[in-house]
Each structure stands twice: as C-alpha cells, then as structure tokens.
Amino acid sequence: NSLKPEDTAVYYCKAWGSSRKYDYWGQG
C-alpha cells in the first residue's frame, strides 16, 4: 500500500532451507 517510486524493483519470493544451498527462489 501507499506505493512510492522508490519501491520500483523486481520482487522475488524465497523459501528458507536448512542451509543456503537448500533455499528456493522464484523467478521474480
């Protein structure tokens, strides 16, 4: 809400794995 021009970006979701190699990322 109340979006600002500085919010402009590619947004990604991430699932936190038990270690970094097991993290999952979306394409954005």
PDB file of all heavy atoms in Angstrom:
ATOM      1  N   ASN A   1       0.837  -1.197   0.000  1.00  0.00           N
ATOM      2  CA  ASN A   1       0.000   0.000   0.000  1.00  0.00           C
ATOM      3  C   ASN A   1       0.872   1.247   0.000  1.00  0.00           C
ATOM      4  O   ASN A   1       2.056   1.190   0.315  1.00  0.00           O
ATOM      5  CB  ASN A   1      -0.916   0.018   1.220  1.00  0.00           C
ATOM      6  CG  ASN A   1      -1.878  -1.138   1.261  1.00  0.00           C
ATOM      7  OD1 ASN A   1      -2.339  -1.616   0.222  1.00  0.00           O
ATOM      8  ND2 ASN A   1      -2.210  -1.601   2.459  1.00  0.00           N
ATOM      9  N   SER A   2       0.269   2.377  -0.329  1.00  0.00           N
ATOM     10  CA  SER A   2       0.967   3.666  -0.334  1.00  0.00           C
ATOM     11  C   SER A   2       2.286   3.584  -1.083  1.00  0.00           C
ATOM     12  O   SER A   2       3.327   4.033  -0.605  1.00  0.00           O
ATOM     13  CB  SER A   2       1.190   4.150   1.107  1.00  0.00           C
ATOM     14  OG  SER A   2      -0.032   4.263   1.802  1.00  0.00           O
ATOM     15  N   LEU A   3       2.234   3.026  -2.272  1.00  0.00           N
ATOM     16  CA  LEU A   3       3.453   2.766  -3.031  1.00  0.00           C
ATOM     17  C   LEU A   3       4.152   4.050  -3.454  1.00  0.00           C
ATOM     18  O   LEU A   3       3.509   5.057  -3.756  1.00  0.00           O
ATOM     19  CB  LEU A   3       3.139   1.904  -4.246  1.00  0.00           C
ATOM     20  CG  LEU A   3       2.937   0.422  -3.906  1.00  0.00           C
ATOM     21  CD1 LEU A   3       2.185  -0.282  -5.023  1.00  0.00           C
ATOM     22  CD2 LEU A   3       4.287  -0.243  -3.663  1.00  0.00           C
ATOM     23  N   LYS A   4       5.474   3.985  -3.465  1.00  0.00           N
ATOM     24  CA  LYS A   4       6.341   5.093  -3.817  1.00  0.00           C
ATOM     25  C   LYS A   4       7.198   4.714  -5.012  1.00  0.00           C
ATOM     26  O   LYS A   4       7.467   3.532  -5.228  1.00  0.00           O
ATOM     27  CB  LYS A   4       7.263   5.447  -2.648  1.00  0.00           C
ATOM     28  CG  LYS A   4       6.554   5.739  -1.342  1.00  0.00           C
ATOM     29  CD  LYS A   4       7.566   5.907  -0.221  1.00  0.00           C
ATOM     30  CE  LYS A   4       6.884   6.214   1.097  1.00  0.00           C
ATOM     31  NZ  LYS A   4       7.875   6.353   2.190  1.00  0.00           N
ATOM     32  N   PRO A   5       7.669   5.691  -5.784  1.00  0.00           N
ATOM     33  CA  PRO A   5       8.553   5.364  -6.911  1.00  0.00           C
ATOM     34  C   PRO A   5       9.773   4.548  -6.495  1.00  0.00           C
ATOM     35  O   PRO A   5      10.222   3.696  -7.276  1.00  0.00           O
ATOM     36  CB  PRO A   5       8.962   6.742  -7.443  1.00  0.00           C
ATOM     37  CG  PRO A   5       7.796   7.606  -7.113  1.00  0.00           C
ATOM     38  CD  PRO A   5       7.303   7.120  -5.770  1.00  0.00           C
ATOM     39  N   GLU A   6      10.298   4.761  -5.303  1.00  0.00           N
ATOM     40  CA  GLU A   6      11.446   4.008  -4.837  1.00  0.00           C
ATOM     41  C   GLU A   6      11.148   2.542  -4.530  1.00  0.00           C
ATOM     42  O   GLU A   6      12.065   1.763  -4.253  1.00  0.00           O
ATOM     43  CB  GLU A   6      12.108   4.683  -3.624  1.00  0.00           C
ATOM     44  CG  GLU A   6      11.132   5.062  -2.536  1.00  0.00           C
ATOM     45  CD  GLU A   6      10.696   6.522  -2.597  1.00  0.00           C
ATOM     46  OE1 GLU A   6      10.303   6.995  -3.685  1.00  0.00           O
ATOM     47  OE2 GLU A   6      10.749   7.199  -1.549  1.00  0.00           O
ATOM     48  N   ASP A   7       9.877   2.146  -4.568  1.00  0.00           N
ATOM     49  CA  ASP A   7       9.513   0.737  -4.452  1.00  0.00           C
ATOM     50  C   ASP A   7       9.672  -0.016  -5.771  1.00  0.00           C
ATOM     51  O   ASP A   7       9.516  -1.241  -5.798  1.00  0.00           O
ATOM     52  CB  ASP A   7       8.070   0.585  -3.974  1.00  0.00           C
ATOM     53  CG  ASP A   7       7.847   1.128  -2.574  1.00  0.00           C
ATOM     54  OD1 ASP A   7       8.708   0.894  -1.698  1.00  0.00           O
ATOM     55  OD2 ASP A   7       6.807   1.773  -2.349  1.00  0.00           O
ATOM     56  N   THR A   8       9.953   0.695  -6.843  1.00  0.00           N
ATOM     57  CA  THR A   8      10.126   0.064  -8.146  1.00  0.00           C
ATOM     58  C   THR A   8      11.292  -0.921  -8.107  1.00  0.00           C
ATOM     59  O   THR A   8      12.411  -0.565  -7.748  1.00  0.00           O
ATOM     60  CB  THR A   8      10.368   1.121  -9.227  1.00  0.00           C
ATOM     61  OG1 THR A   8       9.199   1.935  -9.362  1.00  0.00           O
ATOM     62  CG2 THR A   8      10.673   0.472 -10.569  1.00  0.00           C
ATOM     63  N   ALA A   9      11.029  -2.173  -8.478  1.00  0.00           N
ATOM     64  CA  ALA A   9      12.037  -3.227  -8.410  1.00  0.00           C
ATOM     65  C   ALA A   9      11.441  -4.512  -8.959  1.00  0.00           C
ATOM     66  O   ALA A   9      10.235  -4.613  -9.172  1.00  0.00           O
ATOM     67  CB  ALA A   9      12.500  -3.457  -6.965  1.00  0.00           C
ATOM     68  N   VAL A  10      12.300  -5.504  -9.153  1.00  0.00           N
ATOM     69  CA  VAL A  10      11.845  -6.868  -9.348  1.00  0.00           C
ATOM     70  C   VAL A  10      11.714  -7.500  -7.971  1.00  0.00           C
ATOM     71  O   VAL A  10      12.647  -7.447  -7.166  1.00  0.00           O
ATOM     72  CB  VAL A  10      12.809  -7.683 -10.226  1.00  0.00           C
ATOM     73  CG1 VAL A  10      12.328  -9.124 -10.357  1.00  0.00           C
ATOM     74  CG2 VAL A  10      12.934  -7.045 -11.603  1.00  0.00           C
ATOM     75  N   TYR A  11      10.561  -8.090  -7.696  1.00  0.00           N
ATOM     76  CA  TYR A  11      10.273  -8.703  -6.408  1.00  0.00           C
ATOM     77  C   TYR A  11      10.346 -10.218  -6.527  1.00  0.00           C
ATOM     78  O   TYR A  11       9.763 -10.811  -7.437  1.00  0.00           O
ATOM     79  CB  TYR A  11       8.887  -8.278  -5.909  1.00  0.00           C
ATOM     80  CG  TYR A  11       8.862  -6.874  -5.368  1.00  0.00           C
ATOM     81  CD1 TYR A  11       8.969  -5.785  -6.222  1.00  0.00           C
ATOM     82  CD2 TYR A  11       8.762  -6.633  -3.998  1.00  0.00           C
ATOM     83  CE1 TYR A  11       8.982  -4.485  -5.727  1.00  0.00           C
ATOM     84  CE2 TYR A  11       8.765  -5.341  -3.500  1.00  0.00           C
ATOM     85  CZ  TYR A  11       8.875  -4.265  -4.374  1.00  0.00           C
ATOM     86  OH  TYR A  11       8.875  -2.979  -3.873  1.00  0.00           O
ATOM     87  N   TYR A  12      11.062 -10.835  -5.590  1.00  0.00           N
ATOM     88  CA  TYR A  12      11.282 -12.276  -5.573  1.00  0.00           C
ATOM     89  C   TYR A  12      10.785 -12.878  -4.265  1.00  0.00           C
ATOM     90  O   TYR A  12      10.957 -12.277  -3.200  1.00  0.00           O
ATOM     91  CB  TYR A  12      12.775 -12.600  -5.672  1.00  0.00           C
ATOM     92  CG  TYR A  12      13.476 -12.084  -6.903  1.00  0.00           C
ATOM     93  CD1 TYR A  12      14.057 -10.821  -6.917  1.00  0.00           C
ATOM     94  CD2 TYR A  12      13.580 -12.871  -8.040  1.00  0.00           C
ATOM     95  CE1 TYR A  12      14.716 -10.344  -8.036  1.00  0.00           C
ATOM     96  CE2 TYR A  12      14.244 -12.406  -9.163  1.00  0.00           C
ATOM     97  CZ  TYR A  12      14.810 -11.140  -9.155  1.00  0.00           C
ATOM     98  OH  TYR A  12      15.466 -10.680 -10.270  1.00  0.00           O
ATOM     99  N   CYS A  13      10.217 -14.073  -4.320  1.00  0.00           N
ATOM    100  CA  CYS A  13       9.947 -14.800  -3.086  1.00  0.00           C
ATOM    101  C   CYS A  13      11.001 -15.880  -2.886  1.00  0.00           C
ATOM    102  O   CYS A  13      11.601 -16.387  -3.838  1.00  0.00           O
ATOM    103  CB  CYS A  13       8.535 -15.401  -3.067  1.00  0.00           C
ATOM    104  SG  CYS A  13       8.198 -16.677  -4.279  1.00  0.00           S
ATOM    105  N   LYS A  14      11.260 -16.203  -1.613  1.00  0.00           N
ATOM    106  CA  LYS A  14      12.265 -17.197  -1.252  1.00  0.00           C
ATOM    107  C   LYS A  14      11.762 -18.059  -0.112  1.00  0.00           C
ATOM    108  O   LYS A  14      11.173 -17.564   0.845  1.00  0.00           O
ATOM    109  CB  LYS A  14      13.573 -16.514  -0.826  1.00  0.00           C
ATOM    110  CG  LYS A  14      14.694 -17.511  -0.580  1.00  0.00           C
ATOM    111  CD  LYS A  14      15.954 -16.856  -0.041  1.00  0.00           C
ATOM    112  CE  LYS A  14      15.937 -16.757   1.460  1.00  0.00           C
ATOM    113  NZ  LYS A  14      17.283 -16.340   1.975  1.00  0.00           N
ATOM    114  N   ALA A  15      12.010 -19.344  -0.229  1.00  0.00           N
ATOM    115  CA  ALA A  15      11.781 -20.297   0.853  1.00  0.00           C
ATOM    116  C   ALA A  15      13.107 -20.578   1.538  1.00  0.00           C
ATOM    117  O   ALA A  15      14.099 -20.889   0.874  1.00  0.00           O
ATOM    118  CB  ALA A  15      11.181 -21.588   0.305  1.00  0.00           C
ATOM    119  N   TRP A  16      13.120 -20.480   2.875  1.00  0.00           N
ATOM    120  CA  TRP A  16      14.351 -20.666   3.658  1.00  0.00           C
ATOM    121  C   TRP A  16      14.578 -22.138   3.941  1.00  0.00           C
ATOM    122  O   TRP A  16      13.835 -22.755   4.707  1.00  0.00           O
ATOM    123  CB  TRP A  16      14.267 -19.899   4.976  1.00  0.00           C
ATOM    124  CG  TRP A  16      14.284 -18.418   4.823  1.00  0.00           C
ATOM    125  CD1 TRP A  16      13.225 -17.598   4.550  1.00  0.00           C
ATOM    126  CD2 TRP A  16      15.426 -17.555   4.944  1.00  0.00           C
ATOM    127  NE1 TRP A  16      13.633 -16.285   4.494  1.00  0.00           N
ATOM    128  CE2 TRP A  16      14.987 -16.230   4.731  1.00  0.00           C
ATOM    129  CE3 TRP A  16      16.771 -17.781   5.216  1.00  0.00           C
ATOM    130  CZ2 TRP A  16      15.842 -15.138   4.779  1.00  0.00           C
ATOM    131  CZ3 TRP A  16      17.636 -16.696   5.270  1.00  0.00           C
ATOM    132  CH2 TRP A  16      17.161 -15.389   5.048  1.00  0.00           C
ATOM    133  N   GLY A  17      15.623 -22.703   3.351  1.00  0.00           N
ATOM    134  CA  GLY A  17      16.004 -24.077   3.615  1.00  0.00           C
ATOM    135  C   GLY A  17      16.838 -24.195   4.878  1.00  0.00           C
ATOM    136  O   GLY A  17      17.131 -23.207   5.555  1.00  0.00           O
ATOM    137  N   SER A  18      17.213 -25.409   5.207  1.00  0.00           N
ATOM    138  CA  SER A  18      18.022 -25.650   6.397  1.00  0.00           C
ATOM    139  C   SER A  18      19.441 -25.109   6.253  1.00  0.00           C
ATOM    140  O   SER A  18      20.131 -24.902   7.244  1.00  0.00           O
ATOM    141  CB  SER A  18      18.051 -27.141   6.722  1.00  0.00           C
ATOM    142  OG  SER A  18      18.542 -27.892   5.629  1.00  0.00           O
ATOM    143  N   SER A  19      19.890 -24.889   5.041  1.00  0.00           N
ATOM    144  CA  SER A  19      21.133 -24.206   4.740  1.00  0.00           C
ATOM    145  C   SER A  19      20.975 -23.495   3.409  1.00  0.00           C
ATOM    146  O   SER A  19      20.009 -23.757   2.673  1.00  0.00           O
ATOM    147  CB  SER A  19      22.320 -25.170   4.715  1.00  0.00           C
ATOM    148  OG  SER A  19      22.181 -26.099   3.655  1.00  0.00           O
ATOM    149  N   ARG A  20      21.911 -22.606   3.090  1.00  0.00           N
ATOM    150  CA  ARG A  20      21.783 -21.773   1.903  1.00  0.00           C
ATOM    151  C   ARG A  20      21.576 -22.579   0.624  1.00  0.00           C
ATOM    152  O   ARG A  20      20.789 -22.166  -0.243  1.00  0.00           O
ATOM    153  CB  ARG A  20      23.027 -20.883   1.774  1.00  0.00           C
ATOM    154  CG  ARG A  20      23.008 -19.920   0.612  1.00  0.00           C
ATOM    155  CD  ARG A  20      24.168 -18.948   0.724  1.00  0.00           C
ATOM    156  NE  ARG A  20      24.252 -18.081  -0.441  1.00  0.00           N
ATOM    157  CZ  ARG A  20      25.031 -18.312  -1.503  1.00  0.00           C
ATOM    158  NH1 ARG A  20      25.796 -19.391  -1.546  1.00  0.00           N
ATOM    159  NH2 ARG A  20      25.031 -17.452  -2.516  1.00  0.00           N
ATOM    160  N   LYS A  21      22.234 -23.707   0.487  1.00  0.00           N
ATOM    161  CA  LYS A  21      22.117 -24.486  -0.741  1.00  0.00           C
ATOM    162  C   LYS A  21      20.720 -25.054  -0.935  1.00  0.00           C
ATOM    163  O   LYS A  21      20.366 -25.445  -2.058  1.00  0.00           O
ATOM    164  CB  LYS A  21      23.170 -25.591  -0.800  1.00  0.00           C
ATOM    165  CG  LYS A  21      22.945 -26.741   0.149  1.00  0.00           C
ATOM    166  CD  LYS A  21      23.998 -27.829  -0.043  1.00  0.00           C
ATOM    167  CE  LYS A  21      23.874 -28.502  -1.399  1.00  0.00           C
ATOM    168  NZ  LYS A  21      24.861 -29.612  -1.556  1.00  0.00           N
ATOM    169  N   TYR A  22      19.917 -25.104   0.122  1.00  0.00           N
ATOM    170  CA  TYR A  22      18.560 -25.625   0.039  1.00  0.00           C
ATOM    171  C   TYR A  22      17.486 -24.538  -0.029  1.00  0.00           C
ATOM    172  O   TYR A  22      16.295 -24.844   0.014  1.00  0.00           O
ATOM    173  CB  TYR A  22      18.283 -26.572   1.205  1.00  0.00           C
ATOM    174  CG  TYR A  22      19.156 -27.798   1.184  1.00  0.00           C
ATOM    175  CD1 TYR A  22      20.172 -27.966   2.117  1.00  0.00           C
ATOM    176  CD2 TYR A  22      18.978 -28.776   0.216  1.00  0.00           C
ATOM    177  CE1 TYR A  22      20.987 -29.086   2.089  1.00  0.00           C
ATOM    178  CE2 TYR A  22      19.791 -29.898   0.187  1.00  0.00           C
ATOM    179  CZ  TYR A  22      20.789 -30.051   1.121  1.00  0.00           C
ATOM    180  OH  TYR A  22      21.592 -31.164   1.090  1.00  0.00           O
ATOM    181  N   ASP A  23      17.886 -23.268  -0.121  1.00  0.00           N
ATOM    182  CA  ASP A  23      16.928 -22.195  -0.362  1.00  0.00           C
ATOM    183  C   ASP A  23      16.310 -22.353  -1.746  1.00  0.00           C
ATOM    184  O   ASP A  23      16.965 -22.781  -2.693  1.00  0.00           O
ATOM    185  CB  ASP A  23      17.600 -20.822  -0.288  1.00  0.00           C
ATOM    186  CG  ASP A  23      18.033 -20.434   1.106  1.00  0.00           C
ATOM    187  OD1 ASP A  23      17.624 -21.087   2.081  1.00  0.00           O
ATOM    188  OD2 ASP A  23      18.789 -19.451   1.220  1.00  0.00           O
ATOM    189  N   TYR A  24      15.039 -21.954  -1.867  1.00  0.00           N
ATOM    190  CA  TYR A  24      14.356 -21.936  -3.151  1.00  0.00           C
ATOM    191  C   TYR A  24      13.968 -20.504  -3.499  1.00  0.00           C
ATOM    192  O   TYR A  24      13.521 -19.746  -2.632  1.00  0.00           O
ATOM    193  CB  TYR A  24      13.088 -22.792  -3.117  1.00  0.00           C
ATOM    194  CG  TYR A  24      13.304 -24.237  -2.749  1.00  0.00           C
ATOM    195  CD1 TYR A  24      12.482 -24.856  -1.803  1.00  0.00           C
ATOM    196  CD2 TYR A  24      14.295 -24.995  -3.351  1.00  0.00           C
ATOM    197  CE1 TYR A  24      12.662 -26.182  -1.466  1.00  0.00           C
ATOM    198  CE2 TYR A  24      14.484 -26.327  -3.010  1.00  0.00           C
ATOM    199  CZ  TYR A  24      13.667 -26.919  -2.070  1.00  0.00           C
ATOM    200  OH  TYR A  24      13.843 -28.237  -1.727  1.00  0.00           O
ATOM    201  N   TRP A  25      14.104 -20.151  -4.774  1.00  0.00           N
ATOM    202  CA  TRP A  25      13.811 -18.805  -5.265  1.00  0.00           C
ATOM    203  C   TRP A  25      12.833 -18.844  -6.419  1.00  0.00           C
ATOM    204  O   TRP A  25      12.878 -19.745  -7.263  1.00  0.00           O
ATOM    205  CB  TRP A  25      15.088 -18.121  -5.760  1.00  0.00           C
ATOM    206  CG  TRP A  25      16.044 -17.736  -4.680  1.00  0.00           C
ATOM    207  CD1 TRP A  25      17.012 -18.507  -4.123  1.00  0.00           C
ATOM    208  CD2 TRP A  25      16.125 -16.457  -4.041  1.00  0.00           C
ATOM    209  NE1 TRP A  25      17.702 -17.786  -3.169  1.00  0.00           N
ATOM    210  CE2 TRP A  25      17.179 -16.533  -3.100  1.00  0.00           C
ATOM    211  CE3 TRP A  25      15.420 -15.263  -4.170  1.00  0.00           C
ATOM    212  CZ2 TRP A  25      17.537 -15.449  -2.299  1.00  0.00           C
ATOM    213  CZ3 TRP A  25      15.770 -14.187  -3.377  1.00  0.00           C
ATOM    214  CH2 TRP A  25      16.822 -14.296  -2.457  1.00  0.00           C
ATOM    215  N   GLY A  26      11.955 -17.848  -6.466  1.00  0.00           N
ATOM    216  CA  GLY A  26      11.118 -17.648  -7.632  1.00  0.00           C
ATOM    217  C   GLY A  26      11.852 -16.875  -8.712  1.00  0.00           C
ATOM    218  O   GLY A  26      12.998 -16.436  -8.531  1.00  0.00           O
ATOM    219  N   GLN A  27      11.189 -16.688  -9.837  1.00  0.00           N
ATOM    220  CA  GLN A  27      11.806 -16.016 -10.983  1.00  0.00           C
ATOM    221  C   GLN A  27      11.659 -14.503 -10.938  1.00  0.00           C
ATOM    222  O   GLN A  27      12.341 -13.799 -11.688  1.00  0.00           O
ATOM    223  CB  GLN A  27      11.211 -16.559 -12.287  1.00  0.00           C
ATOM    224  CG  GLN A  27       9.868 -15.975 -12.692  1.00  0.00           C
ATOM    225  CD  GLN A  27       8.703 -16.448 -11.841  1.00  0.00           C
ATOM    226  OE1 GLN A  27       8.821 -17.378 -11.050  1.00  0.00           O
ATOM    227  NE2 GLN A  27       7.558 -15.799 -12.010  1.00  0.00           N
ATOM    228  N   GLY A  28      10.795 -13.997 -10.090  1.00  0.00           N
ATOM    229  CA  GLY A  28      10.618 -12.569  -9.922  1.00  0.00           C
ATOM    230  C   GLY A  28       9.449 -12.006 -10.709  1.00  0.00           C
ATOM    231  O   GLY A  28       9.043 -12.548 -11.735  1.00  0.00           O
TER     232      GLY A  28
END
